[in-house]
Amino acid sequence: MKGKVIGILLLILLILAGGAGGYVWSMMRPVQASSEPVVFEIKSGSGISKIADQLQQEGLIRNSLVFKGYLKWNKLGSNFMAGKYAMNPGVTYDEIIHKLSSGEVVPEEMVKFTIPEGYTVLQTAGKLAYEHVVDRDEFIKLANDPSAFDVDIIKGIPVDEELRYALEGYLFPETYELKKGSSTHDVMQRMLEEFETKINSIPDLEAKLQEKKLSLHELLTIASLVEKEVVVEKERALVAGVIYNRINKDMKLEIDATVQYLLDRPKERLFFKDLKVQSPYNTYLNKGLPPGPIASPSLASIKAALNPEASEYLFYVTKKDGTSGHLFAKTYKEHQQNIAKSKAAQ
């Protein structure tokens, strides 16, 4: 009799075990498949229990308790990564675990934009606003607030009321890719960081600035003049040299680009009345450099300003033959002859 009772108990236990095993197996089966992915985010610091509950709520597993037991039994889940995921209902436990462990997150939507070399703050703000990257008014406002950005290299920008835009010349011209939805501040912070990286890549920068008795701000101002004046690559350093030569001889620079900078819209040709506009940026009226850069110079123009080509030239005029090059002269008389040659080539 006793043996019979024991047998019955064993039978009951086997039935219960089988039932439990069947239940666990059924709970481990993938949910009904769907072609519509479920997008969800695992927050940083989420534990296994919370992640399992989230997967059940999202309809990706049948039972969070069984999933947690599976992870514990197989010693898995300790390396799950935070991020945004997309999974189709119908995936297996192993597929879910692989995705979460390898960090196969949904690629973030990005926005790509390009700032051409020689663009001003106003041109950059207009272009990026047109492309729905920034708010134009906020961009312009922040361009006069360097303290809003955490970039060491811009801390040397002089506090000068004559500066039209404090960050003019410091927003590096480059192609950028940022997360979609980045704020205007984020965009400008990234551009300033790129500027800092590029400047710090120049060998012996500080020593060369000290040798020339220039601040970085003054160097960028010269570089921006070169950028706006030069099209032919090989002429950058030569034009930079002419700028230095005129400054050293206490001559006005008389660079059209400094006047164009003051106009709402650049003109194809300046008139004499334009050259009389009252502004510290007008190098036809004032000697020396303008208060600051008039555009964002390329790295090539910055290097040319740092390493000008030595010459005795004091003048240059644009060729009118379509090459965009210049004719250089040592004297005003030679300059007048070059102007005549240029006009004759039209």
Foldseek 3Di string as FASTA:
>chain_A
DVVVVVVVVVVVVVVVVVVVVVVLVVQQAFDDWDPFKQKDWDDPPDALLRVLVVCVVSVGGRDSVSLVVVCVVVVADPQFDTEIAIDTGRDGSVVVRVCRNVVVHDDFAKDKDFADALAWQLRVLVVCVVVVNAHSVVSQVCQQPPVVEDDVVLVPQDPDPQDPGSCFQQQATGMDMDGPPDYSRRNSNVSNVVSVVLQVVDPPVVVLCVVVVHDLQQLSQLLSLLRVQADDLVCLLAVLQLLVLCLVVQHQLQRVLLLLLPDPHRDPDDDPVSLPDDGQSRSSVDTDTRSGHSHHHHSSSSVSNSRHDDDLWNDWDAAQQPPRDIDTDNDVVVVVVRVVNRVVND
